[in-house]
Amino acid sequence: MWTLAASRQEIIVSKDMDFYERALLLGKPPQVLLIALGNRSDDDLFSALDLSWTNIEAELTAGDRLVTLRPGRLEVLA
């Protein structure tokens, strides 16, 4: 998945820490959006994404390699 996303310049969206760690070690491409919100209902997940989406989109568009959505905050690694 990593290699395919990198070759297509796509963004990996995941709750899997493996992609987070790989982004730290290897950089981009691809970019990674890690959703680190724990177990939530779909409605809660979509609500959290909706509230943060403008900022998430701005960071990824700016080229940041790793964006992590955590409860109450967004963490960005350029």
PDB file of N, CA and C in Angstrom:
ATOM      1  N   MET A   1       0.825  -1.175   0.000  1.00  0.00           N
ATOM      2  CA  MET A   1       0.000   0.000   0.000  1.00  0.00           C
ATOM      3  C   MET A   1       0.884   1.259   0.000  1.00  0.00           C
ATOM      4  N   TRP A   2       1.943   1.250   0.804  1.00  0.00           N
ATOM      5  CA  TRP A   2       2.836   2.404   0.894  1.00  0.00           C
ATOM      6  C   TRP A   2       3.425   2.737  -0.477  1.00  0.00           C
ATOM      7  N   THR A   3       3.969   1.739  -1.148  1.00  0.00           N
ATOM      8  CA  THR A   3       4.619   1.938  -2.440  1.00  0.00           C
ATOM      9  C   THR A   3       3.621   2.424  -3.486  1.00  0.00           C
ATOM     10  N   LEU A   4       2.439   1.832  -3.499  1.00  0.00           N
ATOM     11  CA  LEU A   4       1.417   2.234  -4.467  1.00  0.00           C
ATOM     12  C   LEU A   4       0.979   3.673  -4.222  1.00  0.00           C
ATOM     13  N   ALA A   5       0.717   4.027  -2.969  1.00  0.00           N
ATOM     14  CA  ALA A   5       0.309   5.401  -2.646  1.00  0.00           C
ATOM     15  C   ALA A   5       1.420   6.390  -3.009  1.00  0.00           C
ATOM     16  N   ALA A   6       2.660   6.024  -2.750  1.00  0.00           N
ATOM     17  CA  ALA A   6       3.784   6.904  -3.093  1.00  0.00           C
ATOM     18  C   ALA A   6       3.885   7.104  -4.601  1.00  0.00           C
ATOM     19  N   SER A   7       3.735   6.041  -5.361  1.00  0.00           N
ATOM     20  CA  SER A   7       3.863   6.150  -6.823  1.00  0.00           C
ATOM     21  C   SER A   7       2.725   6.955  -7.430  1.00  0.00           C
ATOM     22  N   ARG A   8       1.588   6.986  -6.778  1.00  0.00           N
ATOM     23  CA  ARG A   8       0.421   7.727  -7.290  1.00  0.00           C
ATOM     24  C   ARG A   8       0.255   9.104  -6.634  1.00  0.00           C
ATOM     25  N   GLN A   9       1.185   9.451  -5.735  1.00  0.00           N
ATOM     26  CA  GLN A   9       1.086  10.716  -5.002  1.00  0.00           C
ATOM     27  C   GLN A   9      -0.248  10.819  -4.250  1.00  0.00           C
ATOM     28  N   GLU A  10      -0.654   9.724  -3.622  1.00  0.00           N
ATOM     29  CA  GLU A  10      -1.895   9.682  -2.873  1.00  0.00           C
ATOM     30  C   GLU A  10      -1.622   9.835  -1.379  1.00  0.00           C
ATOM     31  N   ILE A  11      -2.682  10.025  -0.628  1.00  0.00           N
ATOM     32  CA  ILE A  11      -2.600  10.185   0.822  1.00  0.00           C
ATOM     33  C   ILE A  11      -3.149   8.931   1.473  1.00  0.00           C
ATOM     34  N   ILE A  12      -2.417   8.390   2.439  1.00  0.00           N
ATOM     35  CA  ILE A  12      -2.914   7.248   3.207  1.00  0.00           C
ATOM     36  C   ILE A  12      -3.654   7.790   4.417  1.00  0.00           C
ATOM     37  N   VAL A  13      -4.905   7.373   4.568  1.00  0.00           N
ATOM     38  CA  VAL A  13      -5.727   7.730   5.724  1.00  0.00           C
ATOM     39  C   VAL A  13      -5.919   6.449   6.519  1.00  0.00           C
ATOM     40  N   SER A  14      -5.493   6.468   7.785  1.00  0.00           N
ATOM     41  CA  SER A  14      -5.497   5.226   8.552  1.00  0.00           C
ATOM     42  C   SER A  14      -5.575   5.485  10.046  1.00  0.00           C
ATOM     43  N   LYS A  15      -5.965   4.454  10.775  1.00  0.00           N
ATOM     44  CA  LYS A  15      -5.884   4.456  12.232  1.00  0.00           C
ATOM     45  C   LYS A  15      -4.700   3.594  12.683  1.00  0.00           C
ATOM     46  N   ASP A  16      -3.939   3.095  11.736  1.00  0.00           N
ATOM     47  CA  ASP A  16      -2.846   2.153  11.975  1.00  0.00           C
ATOM     48  C   ASP A  16      -1.542   2.894  12.260  1.00  0.00           C
ATOM     49  N   MET A  17      -0.963   2.673  13.421  1.00  0.00           N
ATOM     50  CA  MET A  17       0.290   3.331  13.805  1.00  0.00           C
ATOM     51  C   MET A  17       1.460   2.932  12.913  1.00  0.00           C
ATOM     52  N   ASP A  18       1.370   1.817  12.216  1.00  0.00           N
ATOM     53  CA  ASP A  18       2.453   1.407  11.320  1.00  0.00           C
ATOM     54  C   ASP A  18       2.723   2.474  10.262  1.00  0.00           C
ATOM     55  N   PHE A  19       1.669   3.071   9.719  1.00  0.00           N
ATOM     56  CA  PHE A  19       1.847   4.117   8.711  1.00  0.00           C
ATOM     57  C   PHE A  19       2.449   5.371   9.329  1.00  0.00           C
ATOM     58  N   TYR A  20       2.062   5.691  10.543  1.00  0.00           N
ATOM     59  CA  TYR A  20       2.624   6.828  11.280  1.00  0.00           C
ATOM     60  C   TYR A  20       4.133   6.632  11.440  1.00  0.00           C
ATOM     61  N   GLU A  21       4.526   5.460  11.909  1.00  0.00           N
ATOM     62  CA  GLU A  21       5.943   5.167  12.127  1.00  0.00           C
ATOM     63  C   GLU A  21       6.718   5.172  10.812  1.00  0.00           C
ATOM     64  N   ARG A  22       6.130   4.637   9.778  1.00  0.00           N
ATOM     65  CA  ARG A  22       6.796   4.613   8.479  1.00  0.00           C
ATOM     66  C   ARG A  22       6.990   6.033   7.950  1.00  0.00           C
ATOM     67  N   ALA A  23       5.976   6.886   8.151  1.00  0.00           N
ATOM     68  CA  ALA A  23       6.093   8.287   7.715  1.00  0.00           C
ATOM     69  C   ALA A  23       7.215   8.993   8.475  1.00  0.00           C
ATOM     70  N   LEU A  24       7.361   8.686   9.760  1.00  0.00           N
ATOM     71  CA  LEU A  24       8.441   9.278  10.543  1.00  0.00           C
ATOM     72  C   LEU A  24       9.807   8.846  10.019  1.00  0.00           C
ATOM     73  N   LEU A  25       9.921   7.582   9.682  1.00  0.00           N
ATOM     74  CA  LEU A  25      11.208   7.039   9.244  1.00  0.00           C
ATOM     75  C   LEU A  25      11.549   7.369   7.797  1.00  0.00           C
ATOM     76  N   LEU A  26      10.564   7.293   6.920  1.00  0.00           N
ATOM     77  CA  LEU A  26      10.834   7.384   5.495  1.00  0.00           C
ATOM     78  C   LEU A  26      10.466   8.721   4.863  1.00  0.00           C
ATOM     79  N   GLY A  27       9.673   9.512   5.543  1.00  0.00           N
ATOM     80  CA  GLY A  27       9.238  10.768   4.952  1.00  0.00           C
ATOM     81  C   GLY A  27       8.195  10.537   3.876  1.00  0.00           C
ATOM     82  N   LYS A  28       8.060  11.500   2.983  1.00  0.00           N
ATOM     83  CA  LYS A  28       7.065  11.362   1.924  1.00  0.00           C
ATOM     84  C   LYS A  28       7.741  11.260   0.579  1.00  0.00           C
ATOM     85  N   PRO A  29       7.092  10.834  -0.453  1.00  0.00           N
ATOM     86  CA  PRO A  29       5.705  10.407  -0.444  1.00  0.00           C
ATOM     87  C   PRO A  29       5.542   9.023   0.137  1.00  0.00           C
ATOM     88  N   PRO A  30       4.371   8.637   0.479  1.00  0.00           N
ATOM     89  CA  PRO A  30       3.112   9.382   0.463  1.00  0.00           C
ATOM     90  C   PRO A  30       2.929  10.189   1.746  1.00  0.00           C
ATOM     91  N   GLN A  31       1.923  11.028   1.726  1.00  0.00           N
ATOM     92  CA  GLN A  31       1.524  11.721   2.939  1.00  0.00           C
ATOM     93  C   GLN A  31       0.611  10.791   3.730  1.00  0.00           C
ATOM     94  N   VAL A  32       0.552  11.019   5.053  1.00  0.00           N
ATOM     95  CA  VAL A  32      -0.262  10.169   5.921  1.00  0.00           C
ATOM     96  C   VAL A  32      -1.155  11.043   6.798  1.00  0.00           C
ATOM     97  N   LEU A  33      -2.427  10.677   6.847  1.00  0.00           N
ATOM     98  CA  LEU A  33      -3.363  11.243   7.808  1.00  0.00           C
ATOM     99  C   LEU A  33      -3.684  10.126   8.787  1.00  0.00           C
ATOM    100  N   LEU A  34      -3.201  10.266  10.014  1.00  0.00           N
ATOM    101  CA  LEU A  34      -3.456   9.281  11.060  1.00  0.00           C
ATOM    102  C   LEU A  34      -4.639   9.758  11.891  1.00  0.00           C
ATOM    103  N   ILE A  35      -5.619   8.893  12.037  1.00  0.00           N
ATOM    104  CA  ILE A  35      -6.773   9.198  12.867  1.00  0.00           C
ATOM    105  C   ILE A  35      -6.572   8.477  14.192  1.00  0.00           C
ATOM    106  N   ALA A  36      -6.145   9.225  15.203  1.00  0.00           N
ATOM    107  CA  ALA A  36      -5.803   8.674  16.517  1.00  0.00           C
ATOM    108  C   ALA A  36      -6.852   9.113  17.531  1.00  0.00           C
ATOM    109  N   LEU A  37      -8.064   8.660  17.318  1.00  0.00           N
ATOM    110  CA  LEU A  37      -9.182   9.065  18.165  1.00  0.00           C
ATOM    111  C   LEU A  37      -9.707   7.937  19.033  1.00  0.00           C
ATOM    112  N   GLY A  38      -9.079   6.781  18.979  1.00  0.00           N
ATOM    113  CA  GLY A  38      -9.567   5.644  19.742  1.00  0.00           C
ATOM    114  C   GLY A  38     -10.838   5.085  19.123  1.00  0.00           C
ATOM    115  N   ASN A  39     -11.468   4.204  19.846  1.00  0.00           N
ATOM    116  CA  ASN A  39     -12.700   3.600  19.353  1.00  0.00           C
ATOM    117  C   ASN A  39     -13.857   4.569  19.527  1.00  0.00           C
ATOM    118  N   ARG A  40     -14.507   4.872  18.426  1.00  0.00           N
ATOM    119  CA  ARG A  40     -15.641   5.796  18.413  1.00  0.00           C
ATOM    120  C   ARG A  40     -16.697   5.270  17.468  1.00  0.00           C
ATOM    121  N   SER A  41     -17.897   5.750  17.648  1.00  0.00           N
ATOM    122  CA  SER A  41     -18.954   5.407  16.699  1.00  0.00           C
ATOM    123  C   SER A  41     -18.652   6.115  15.380  1.00  0.00           C
ATOM    124  N   ASP A  42     -19.268   5.636  14.323  1.00  0.00           N
ATOM    125  CA  ASP A  42     -19.087   6.288  13.029  1.00  0.00           C
ATOM    126  C   ASP A  42     -19.507   7.747  13.088  1.00  0.00           C
ATOM    127  N   ASP A  43     -20.621   8.023  13.766  1.00  0.00           N
ATOM    128  CA  ASP A  43     -21.100   9.409  13.875  1.00  0.00           C
ATOM    129  C   ASP A  43     -20.072  10.295  14.568  1.00  0.00           C
ATOM    130  N   ASP A  44     -19.459   9.811  15.652  1.00  0.00           N
ATOM    131  CA  ASP A  44     -18.439  10.590  16.360  1.00  0.00           C
ATOM    132  C   ASP A  44     -17.200  10.792  15.492  1.00  0.00           C
ATOM    133  N   LEU A  45     -16.817   9.759  14.763  1.00  0.00           N
ATOM    134  CA  LEU A  45     -15.662   9.850  13.879  1.00  0.00           C
ATOM    135  C   LEU A  45     -15.905  10.886  12.786  1.00  0.00           C
ATOM    136  N   PHE A  46     -17.047  10.807  12.134  1.00  0.00           N
ATOM    137  CA  PHE A  46     -17.359  11.762  11.069  1.00  0.00           C
ATOM    138  C   PHE A  46     -17.485  13.180  11.605  1.00  0.00           C
ATOM    139  N   SER A  47     -18.009  13.319  12.798  1.00  0.00           N
ATOM    140  CA  SER A  47     -18.125  14.636  13.415  1.00  0.00           C
ATOM    141  C   SER A  47     -16.734  15.238  13.674  1.00  0.00           C
ATOM    142  N   ALA A  48     -15.820  14.433  14.212  1.00  0.00           N
ATOM    143  CA  ALA A  48     -14.460  14.908  14.475  1.00  0.00           C
ATOM    144  C   ALA A  48     -13.752  15.286  13.172  1.00  0.00           C
ATOM    145  N   LEU A  49     -13.937  14.474  12.151  1.00  0.00           N
ATOM    146  CA  LEU A  49     -13.337  14.794  10.854  1.00  0.00           C
ATOM    147  C   LEU A  49     -13.941  16.061  10.265  1.00  0.00           C
ATOM    148  N   ASP A  50     -15.244  16.198  10.388  1.00  0.00           N
ATOM    149  CA  ASP A  50     -15.927  17.377   9.857  1.00  0.00           C
ATOM    150  C   ASP A  50     -15.429  18.653  10.533  1.00  0.00           C
ATOM    151  N   LEU A  51     -15.255  18.603  11.839  1.00  0.00           N
ATOM    152  CA  LEU A  51     -14.798  19.781  12.583  1.00  0.00           C
ATOM    153  C   LEU A  51     -13.372  20.181  12.210  1.00  0.00           C
ATOM    154  N   SER A  52     -12.553  19.216  11.852  1.00  0.00           N
ATOM    155  CA  SER A  52     -11.132  19.475  11.588  1.00  0.00           C
ATOM    156  C   SER A  52     -10.769  19.488  10.112  1.00  0.00           C
ATOM    157  N   TRP A  53     -11.716  19.176   9.240  1.00  0.00           N
ATOM    158  CA  TRP A  53     -11.382  18.926   7.845  1.00  0.00           C
ATOM    159  C   TRP A  53     -10.709  20.109   7.157  1.00  0.00           C
ATOM    160  N   THR A  54     -11.149  21.320   7.401  1.00  0.00           N
ATOM    161  CA  THR A  54     -10.542  22.485   6.755  1.00  0.00           C
ATOM    162  C   THR A  54      -9.057  22.567   7.091  1.00  0.00           C
ATOM    163  N   ASN A  55      -8.714  22.350   8.346  1.00  0.00           N
ATOM    164  CA  ASN A  55      -7.306  22.394   8.763  1.00  0.00           C
ATOM    165  C   ASN A  55      -6.521  21.198   8.222  1.00  0.00           C
ATOM    166  N   ILE A  56      -7.127  20.026   8.240  1.00  0.00           N
ATOM    167  CA  ILE A  56      -6.467  18.830   7.696  1.00  0.00           C
ATOM    168  C   ILE A  56      -6.143  19.056   6.223  1.00  0.00           C
ATOM    169  N   GLU A  57      -7.134  19.505   5.481  1.00  0.00           N
ATOM    170  CA  GLU A  57      -6.951  19.733   4.049  1.00  0.00           C
ATOM    171  C   GLU A  57      -5.868  20.777   3.784  1.00  0.00           C
ATOM    172  N   ALA A  58      -5.855  21.835   4.572  1.00  0.00           N
ATOM    173  CA  ALA A  58      -4.847  22.889   4.396  1.00  0.00           C
ATOM    174  C   ALA A  58      -3.437  22.347   4.631  1.00  0.00           C
ATOM    175  N   GLU A  59      -3.263  21.542   5.668  1.00  0.00           N
ATOM    176  CA  GLU A  59      -1.933  20.990   5.980  1.00  0.00           C
ATOM    177  C   GLU A  59      -1.469  20.024   4.896  1.00  0.00           C
ATOM    178  N   LEU A  60      -2.350  19.167   4.430  1.00  0.00           N
ATOM    179  CA  LEU A  60      -1.970  18.215   3.391  1.00  0.00           C
ATOM    180  C   LEU A  60      -1.703  18.932   2.069  1.00  0.00           C
ATOM    181  N   THR A  61      -2.496  19.947   1.765  1.00  0.00           N
ATOM    182  CA  THR A  61      -2.281  20.724   0.542  1.00  0.00           C
ATOM    183  C   THR A  61      -0.947  21.461   0.598  1.00  0.00           C
ATOM    184  N   ALA A  62      -0.557  21.881   1.791  1.00  0.00           N
ATOM    185  CA  ALA A  62       0.731  22.566   1.971  1.00  0.00           C
ATOM    186  C   ALA A  62       1.909  21.608   1.829  1.00  0.00           C
ATOM    187  N   GLY A  63       1.622  20.309   1.799  1.00  0.00           N
ATOM    188  CA  GLY A  63       2.680  19.334   1.587  1.00  0.00           C
ATOM    189  C   GLY A  63       3.212  18.659   2.827  1.00  0.00           C
ATOM    190  N   ASP A  64       2.582  18.899   3.981  1.00  0.00           N
ATOM    191  CA  ASP A  64       3.054  18.248   5.204  1.00  0.00           C
ATOM    192  C   ASP A  64       2.955  16.743   5.068  1.00  0.00           C
ATOM    193  N   ARG A  65       3.962  16.047   5.592  1.00  0.00           N
ATOM    194  CA  ARG A  65       4.017  14.600   5.372  1.00  0.00           C
ATOM    195  C   ARG A  65       3.157  13.791   6.322  1.00  0.00           C
ATOM    196  N   LEU A  66       2.897  14.331   7.514  1.00  0.00           N
ATOM    197  CA  LEU A  66       2.169  13.558   8.515  1.00  0.00           C
ATOM    198  C   LEU A  66       1.233  14.476   9.291  1.00  0.00           C
ATOM    199  N   VAL A  67      -0.048  14.174   9.224  1.00  0.00           N
ATOM    200  CA  VAL A  67      -1.061  14.922   9.967  1.00  0.00           C
ATOM    201  C   VAL A  67      -1.775  13.915  10.862  1.00  0.00           C
ATOM    202  N   THR A  68      -1.824  14.220  12.155  1.00  0.00           N
ATOM    203  CA  THR A  68      -2.455  13.319  13.116  1.00  0.00           C
ATOM    204  C   THR A  68      -3.624  14.028  13.777  1.00  0.00           C
ATOM    205  N   LEU A  69      -4.793  13.421  13.661  1.00  0.00           N
ATOM    206  CA  LEU A  69      -5.984  13.937  14.315  1.00  0.00           C
ATOM    207  C   LEU A  69      -6.127  13.223  15.653  1.00  0.00           C
ATOM    208  N   ARG A  70      -5.973  13.986  16.731  1.00  0.00           N
ATOM    209  CA  ARG A  70      -6.104  13.472  18.088  1.00  0.00           C
ATOM    210  C   ARG A  70      -7.295  14.176  18.751  1.00  0.00           C
ATOM    211  N   PRO A  71      -7.797  13.637  19.834  1.00  0.00           N
ATOM    212  CA  PRO A  71      -8.924  14.289  20.509  1.00  0.00           C
ATOM    213  C   PRO A  71      -8.577  15.740  20.864  1.00  0.00           C
ATOM    214  N   GLY A  72      -9.316  16.665  20.291  1.00  0.00           N
ATOM    215  CA  GLY A  72      -9.143  18.068  20.618  1.00  0.00           C
ATOM    216  C   GLY A  72      -7.991  18.785  19.956  1.00  0.00           C
ATOM    217  N   ARG A  73      -7.210  18.105  19.113  1.00  0.00           N
ATOM    218  CA  ARG A  73      -6.077  18.787  18.482  1.00  0.00           C
ATOM    219  C   ARG A  73      -5.628  18.082  17.193  1.00  0.00           C
ATOM    220  N   LEU A  74      -4.896  18.850  16.426  1.00  0.00           N
ATOM    221  CA  LEU A  74      -4.314  18.358  15.190  1.00  0.00           C
ATOM    222  C   LEU A  74      -2.805  18.523  15.299  1.00  0.00           C
ATOM    223  N   GLU A  75      -2.061  17.459  15.063  1.00  0.00           N
ATOM    224  CA  GLU A  75      -0.593  17.517  15.100  1.00  0.00           C
ATOM    225  C   GLU A  75      -0.070  17.402  13.683  1.00  0.00           C
ATOM    226  N   VAL A  76       0.918  18.210  13.358  1.00  0.00           N
ATOM    227  CA  VAL A  76       1.441  18.255  11.980  1.00  0.00           C
ATOM    228  C   VAL A  76       2.952  18.121  12.008  1.00  0.00           C
ATOM    229  N   LEU A  77       3.460  17.287  11.108  1.00  0.00           N
ATOM    230  CA  LEU A  77       4.896  17.150  10.918  1.00  0.00           C
ATOM    231  C   LEU A  77       5.183  17.447   9.445  1.00  0.00           C
ATOM    232  N   ALA A  78       5.924  18.512   9.229  1.00  0.00           N
ATOM    233  CA  ALA A  78       6.219  18.948   7.850  1.00  0.00           C
ATOM    234  C   ALA A  78       7.138  17.981   7.141  1.00  0.00           C
TER     235      ALA A  78
END
